[in-house]
Amino acid sequence: MVDVETAPDTLQIEEFDAVLVGSSIHVGKHHSAISEFVRTNRGALNSLPSAFFQLSLSSPVDDPERRAEAARYVDELLEESGWHPDKTGLFGGALRYSKYGFLKRLLLKRIAKDATGDVDTSHDYEYTDWEEVAAFAIDFAVFVKGRLAERPHSPSDGSSE
């Protein structure tokens, strides 16, 4: 696992067998480090088995407009970056009032009022369906295993033909 905020500049994505990128949405935006990482590494991401997942307050609700909003965040990131991941997943995130400063807490309280109704800032809320996340990860792992099995072996990799 690599945290894009602390990854060394020398990180070579091409050295990985596959890449799974995840980002939360805060106030309608992906983390800037994720957006930059995807733009900078678009070529490598498009050449490897790859997937993207997003966590947001718009994903776990029953409101079709909010769910469409969550999908738009993904579509915009992928369109702006030119990345075409093999799989995408949209999951409910968390509302961590305890981690936010005063202004962000007020802003997220206003967003949460419409999205989830959870505006009591005295505790945090978890909306992630971890079984759904695990199923996505397993599905991607199976996909990657299949893609890696399809790769031709070169004489320099120690395999015999």
C-alpha atoms as a PDB file:
ATOM      1  CA  MET A   1       0.000   0.000   0.000  1.00  0.00           C
ATOM      2  CA  VAL A   2       1.253   3.453  -0.901  1.00  0.00           C
ATOM      3  CA  ASP A   3      -0.076   6.719   0.481  1.00  0.00           C
ATOM      4  CA  VAL A   4       0.150   9.227  -2.383  1.00  0.00           C
ATOM      5  CA  GLU A   5       0.762  12.061   0.068  1.00  0.00           C
ATOM      6  CA  THR A   6       3.943  10.445   1.381  1.00  0.00           C
ATOM      7  CA  ALA A   7       5.040   8.416  -1.663  1.00  0.00           C
ATOM      8  CA  PRO A   8       8.574   9.106  -2.839  1.00  0.00           C
ATOM      9  CA  ASP A   9       9.002  10.977  -6.115  1.00  0.00           C
ATOM     10  CA  THR A  10      10.915   7.938  -7.360  1.00  0.00           C
ATOM     11  CA  LEU A  11       7.867   5.662  -7.107  1.00  0.00           C
ATOM     12  CA  GLN A  12       7.571   3.724 -10.375  1.00  0.00           C
ATOM     13  CA  ILE A  13       3.981   2.582 -10.946  1.00  0.00           C
ATOM     14  CA  GLU A  14       5.141   0.395 -13.836  1.00  0.00           C
ATOM     15  CA  GLU A  15       6.883  -1.894 -11.329  1.00  0.00           C
ATOM     16  CA  PHE A  16       3.549  -2.982  -9.831  1.00  0.00           C
ATOM     17  CA  ASP A  17       1.385  -5.808 -11.194  1.00  0.00           C
ATOM     18  CA  ALA A  18      -1.826  -3.836 -10.609  1.00  0.00           C
ATOM     19  CA  VAL A  19      -3.019  -0.615  -9.020  1.00  0.00           C
ATOM     20  CA  LEU A  20      -6.083   0.067  -6.893  1.00  0.00           C
ATOM     21  CA  VAL A  21      -6.642   3.759  -6.143  1.00  0.00           C
ATOM     22  CA  GLY A  22      -9.101   5.022  -3.572  1.00  0.00           C
ATOM     23  CA  SER A  23     -10.287   8.473  -2.597  1.00  0.00           C
ATOM     24  CA  SER A  24     -12.876  10.039  -0.406  1.00  0.00           C
ATOM     25  CA  ILE A  25     -14.987  13.006  -1.416  1.00  0.00           C
ATOM     26  CA  HIS A  26     -14.865  16.098   0.748  1.00  0.00           C
ATOM     27  CA  VAL A  27     -17.131  18.991  -0.133  1.00  0.00           C
ATOM     28  CA  GLY A  28     -17.587  17.724  -3.681  1.00  0.00           C
ATOM     29  CA  LYS A  29     -13.916  17.110  -4.480  1.00  0.00           C
ATOM     30  CA  HIS A  30     -11.463  14.243  -4.473  1.00  0.00           C
ATOM     31  CA  HIS A  31      -8.313  14.789  -2.484  1.00  0.00           C
ATOM     32  CA  SER A  32      -5.960  16.925  -4.594  1.00  0.00           C
ATOM     33  CA  ALA A  33      -3.099  14.444  -4.123  1.00  0.00           C
ATOM     34  CA  ILE A  34      -5.245  11.690  -5.684  1.00  0.00           C
ATOM     35  CA  SER A  35      -6.189  13.849  -8.667  1.00  0.00           C
ATOM     36  CA  GLU A  36      -2.538  14.763  -9.227  1.00  0.00           C
ATOM     37  CA  PHE A  37      -1.394  11.144  -8.820  1.00  0.00           C
ATOM     38  CA  VAL A  38      -3.908   9.928 -11.396  1.00  0.00           C
ATOM     39  CA  ARG A  39      -3.013  12.668 -13.907  1.00  0.00           C
ATOM     40  CA  THR A  40       0.728  12.171 -13.456  1.00  0.00           C
ATOM     41  CA  ASN A  41       0.558   8.371 -13.728  1.00  0.00           C
ATOM     42  CA  ARG A  42      -2.196   8.054 -16.352  1.00  0.00           C
ATOM     43  CA  GLY A  43      -0.022   6.117 -18.815  1.00  0.00           C
ATOM     44  CA  ALA A  44       1.067   3.512 -16.292  1.00  0.00           C
ATOM     45  CA  LEU A  45      -2.427   3.251 -14.808  1.00  0.00           C
ATOM     46  CA  ASN A  46      -3.903   2.625 -18.264  1.00  0.00           C
ATOM     47  CA  SER A  47      -1.316  -0.060 -19.047  1.00  0.00           C
ATOM     48  CA  LEU A  48      -1.839  -2.075 -15.852  1.00  0.00           C
ATOM     49  CA  PRO A  49      -4.883  -3.782 -14.411  1.00  0.00           C
ATOM     50  CA  SER A  50      -6.367  -0.952 -12.364  1.00  0.00           C
ATOM     51  CA  ALA A  51      -9.393  -0.010 -10.338  1.00  0.00           C
ATOM     52  CA  PHE A  52     -10.720   3.043  -8.579  1.00  0.00           C
ATOM     53  CA  PHE A  53     -12.996   3.296  -5.575  1.00  0.00           C
ATOM     54  CA  GLN A  54     -14.615   6.306  -4.005  1.00  0.00           C
ATOM     55  CA  LEU A  55     -16.082   6.921  -0.559  1.00  0.00           C
ATOM     56  CA  SER A  56     -18.753   9.582  -0.201  1.00  0.00           C
ATOM     57  CA  LEU A  57     -21.876  10.595   1.690  1.00  0.00           C
ATOM     58  CA  SER A  58     -23.827  10.508  -1.570  1.00  0.00           C
ATOM     59  CA  SER A  59     -23.297   6.793  -2.211  1.00  0.00           C
ATOM     60  CA  PRO A  60     -25.120   5.128   0.715  1.00  0.00           C
ATOM     61  CA  VAL A  61     -28.383   7.045   0.412  1.00  0.00           C
ATOM     62  CA  ASP A  62     -31.524   5.919  -1.417  1.00  0.00           C
ATOM     63  CA  ASP A  63     -31.861   9.229  -3.281  1.00  0.00           C
ATOM     64  CA  PRO A  64     -31.147   8.618  -7.012  1.00  0.00           C
ATOM     65  CA  GLU A  65     -29.999  12.228  -7.479  1.00  0.00           C
ATOM     66  CA  ARG A  66     -27.395  11.919  -4.735  1.00  0.00           C
ATOM     67  CA  ARG A  67     -26.187   8.583  -6.086  1.00  0.00           C
ATOM     68  CA  ALA A  68     -25.884  10.167  -9.545  1.00  0.00           C
ATOM     69  CA  GLU A  69     -23.901  12.969  -7.935  1.00  0.00           C
ATOM     70  CA  ALA A  70     -21.466  10.409  -6.496  1.00  0.00           C
ATOM     71  CA  ALA A  71     -21.078   8.809  -9.930  1.00  0.00           C
ATOM     72  CA  ARG A  72     -20.439  12.248 -11.470  1.00  0.00           C
ATOM     73  CA  TYR A  73     -17.478  12.768  -9.130  1.00  0.00           C
ATOM     74  CA  VAL A  74     -15.897   9.598 -10.503  1.00  0.00           C
ATOM     75  CA  ASP A  75     -16.758  10.450 -14.114  1.00  0.00           C
ATOM     76  CA  GLU A  76     -15.210  13.913 -13.770  1.00  0.00           C
ATOM     77  CA  LEU A  77     -11.980  12.580 -12.261  1.00  0.00           C
ATOM     78  CA  LEU A  78     -11.598   9.959 -14.971  1.00  0.00           C
ATOM     79  CA  GLU A  79     -12.472  12.342 -17.791  1.00  0.00           C
ATOM     80  CA  GLU A  80     -10.092  15.060 -16.550  1.00  0.00           C
ATOM     81  CA  SER A  81      -7.250  12.587 -16.092  1.00  0.00           C
ATOM     82  CA  GLY A  82      -7.730  10.345 -19.124  1.00  0.00           C
ATOM     83  CA  TRP A  83      -7.521   7.250 -16.920  1.00  0.00           C
ATOM     84  CA  HIS A  84      -9.702   4.271 -17.798  1.00  0.00           C
ATOM     85  CA  PRO A  85      -9.688   1.877 -14.827  1.00  0.00           C
ATOM     86  CA  ASP A  86     -10.928  -1.649 -15.410  1.00  0.00           C
ATOM     87  CA  LYS A  87     -13.247  -1.461 -12.411  1.00  0.00           C
ATOM     88  CA  THR A  88     -14.810   1.262 -10.297  1.00  0.00           C
ATOM     89  CA  GLY A  89     -16.614   1.094  -6.979  1.00  0.00           C
ATOM     90  CA  LEU A  90     -18.684   3.670  -5.135  1.00  0.00           C
ATOM     91  CA  PHE A  91     -19.134   3.183  -1.418  1.00  0.00           C
ATOM     92  CA  GLY A  92     -20.529   5.033   1.536  1.00  0.00           C
ATOM     93  CA  GLY A  93     -17.877   6.869   3.477  1.00  0.00           C
ATOM     94  CA  ALA A  94     -17.755   8.218   6.979  1.00  0.00           C
ATOM     95  CA  LEU A  95     -18.607  11.475   8.625  1.00  0.00           C
ATOM     96  CA  ARG A  96     -15.839  12.138  11.121  1.00  0.00           C
ATOM     97  CA  TYR A  97     -16.979  15.290  12.860  1.00  0.00           C
ATOM     98  CA  SER A  98     -14.335  14.705  15.551  1.00  0.00           C
ATOM     99  CA  LYS A  99     -11.567  15.065  12.957  1.00  0.00           C
ATOM    100  CA  TYR A 100     -12.764  18.347  11.415  1.00  0.00           C
ATOM    101  CA  GLY A 101     -12.065  21.906  12.402  1.00  0.00           C
ATOM    102  CA  PHE A 102     -14.900  24.254  13.250  1.00  0.00           C
ATOM    103  CA  LEU A 103     -15.577  25.563   9.730  1.00  0.00           C
ATOM    104  CA  LYS A 104     -15.348  22.179   8.014  1.00  0.00           C
ATOM    105  CA  ARG A 105     -17.595  20.652  10.683  1.00  0.00           C
ATOM    106  CA  LEU A 106     -20.231  23.334  10.011  1.00  0.00           C
ATOM    107  CA  LEU A 107     -19.997  22.841   6.251  1.00  0.00           C
ATOM    108  CA  LEU A 108     -20.245  19.053   6.508  1.00  0.00           C
ATOM    109  CA  LYS A 109     -23.119  19.337   8.957  1.00  0.00           C
ATOM    110  CA  ARG A 110     -25.008  21.311   6.307  1.00  0.00           C
ATOM    111  CA  ILE A 111     -24.168  18.722   3.619  1.00  0.00           C
ATOM    112  CA  ALA A 112     -25.095  15.840   5.932  1.00  0.00           C
ATOM    113  CA  LYS A 113     -28.449  17.435   6.745  1.00  0.00           C
ATOM    114  CA  ASP A 114     -29.580  16.857   3.159  1.00  0.00           C
ATOM    115  CA  ALA A 115     -27.643  13.640   2.520  1.00  0.00           C
ATOM    116  CA  THR A 116     -28.044  11.543   5.654  1.00  0.00           C
ATOM    117  CA  GLY A 117     -29.721  13.693   8.284  1.00  0.00           C
ATOM    118  CA  ASP A 118     -26.892  12.954  10.742  1.00  0.00           C
ATOM    119  CA  VAL A 119     -26.114  16.402  12.120  1.00  0.00           C
ATOM    120  CA  ASP A 120     -25.207  15.610  15.733  1.00  0.00           C
ATOM    121  CA  THR A 121     -21.558  16.665  15.739  1.00  0.00           C
ATOM    122  CA  SER A 122     -20.889  15.074  19.135  1.00  0.00           C
ATOM    123  CA  HIS A 123     -20.094  11.744  17.463  1.00  0.00           C
ATOM    124  CA  ASP A 124     -18.905  10.289  14.157  1.00  0.00           C
ATOM    125  CA  TYR A 125     -20.913   8.266  11.628  1.00  0.00           C
ATOM    126  CA  GLU A 126     -19.829   5.294   9.534  1.00  0.00           C
ATOM    127  CA  TYR A 127     -21.704   4.514   6.310  1.00  0.00           C
ATOM    128  CA  THR A 128     -19.278   2.086   4.715  1.00  0.00           C
ATOM    129  CA  ASP A 129     -20.650  -1.353   3.893  1.00  0.00           C
ATOM    130  CA  TRP A 130     -17.432  -3.278   4.521  1.00  0.00           C
ATOM    131  CA  GLU A 131     -18.815  -6.493   3.018  1.00  0.00           C
ATOM    132  CA  GLU A 132     -19.452  -4.596  -0.214  1.00  0.00           C
ATOM    133  CA  VAL A 133     -15.899  -3.196  -0.106  1.00  0.00           C
ATOM    134  CA  ALA A 134     -14.461  -6.686   0.490  1.00  0.00           C
ATOM    135  CA  ALA A 135     -16.472  -8.094  -2.431  1.00  0.00           C
ATOM    136  CA  PHE A 136     -15.120  -5.328  -4.695  1.00  0.00           C
ATOM    137  CA  ALA A 137     -11.543  -6.032  -3.595  1.00  0.00           C
ATOM    138  CA  ILE A 138     -11.949  -9.785  -4.139  1.00  0.00           C
ATOM    139  CA  ASP A 139     -13.513  -9.212  -7.555  1.00  0.00           C
ATOM    140  CA  PHE A 140     -10.588  -6.976  -8.542  1.00  0.00           C
ATOM    141  CA  ALA A 141      -8.042  -9.502  -7.220  1.00  0.00           C
ATOM    142  CA  VAL A 142      -9.639 -12.268  -9.308  1.00  0.00           C
ATOM    143  CA  PHE A 143      -9.611  -9.958 -12.341  1.00  0.00           C
ATOM    144  CA  VAL A 144      -5.919  -9.137 -11.794  1.00  0.00           C
ATOM    145  CA  LYS A 145      -5.024 -12.809 -11.374  1.00  0.00           C
ATOM    146  CA  GLY A 146      -6.707 -13.541 -14.711  1.00  0.00           C
ATOM    147  CA  ARG A 147      -4.945 -10.664 -16.446  1.00  0.00           C
ATOM    148  CA  LEU A 148      -1.566 -11.691 -15.056  1.00  0.00           C
ATOM    149  CA  ALA A 149      -2.124 -15.266 -16.250  1.00  0.00           C
ATOM    150  CA  GLU A 150      -2.726 -13.908 -19.762  1.00  0.00           C
ATOM    151  CA  ARG A 151       0.579 -11.992 -19.871  1.00  0.00           C
ATOM    152  CA  PRO A 152       3.232 -13.557 -22.087  1.00  0.00           C
ATOM    153  CA  HIS A 153       6.327 -14.629 -20.188  1.00  0.00           C
ATOM    154  CA  SER A 154       9.607 -13.180 -21.348  1.00  0.00           C
ATOM    155  CA  PRO A 155      12.844 -15.214 -21.222  1.00  0.00           C
ATOM    156  CA  SER A 156      14.308 -12.683 -18.780  1.00  0.00           C
ATOM    157  CA  ASP A 157      11.636 -13.375 -16.129  1.00  0.00           C
ATOM    158  CA  GLY A 158      12.999 -16.807 -15.346  1.00  0.00           C
ATOM    159  CA  SER A 159      10.021 -18.697 -16.687  1.00  0.00           C
ATOM    160  CA  SER A 160      10.271 -21.361 -19.313  1.00  0.00           C
ATOM    161  CA  GLU A 161       8.045 -21.570 -22.339  1.00  0.00           C
END
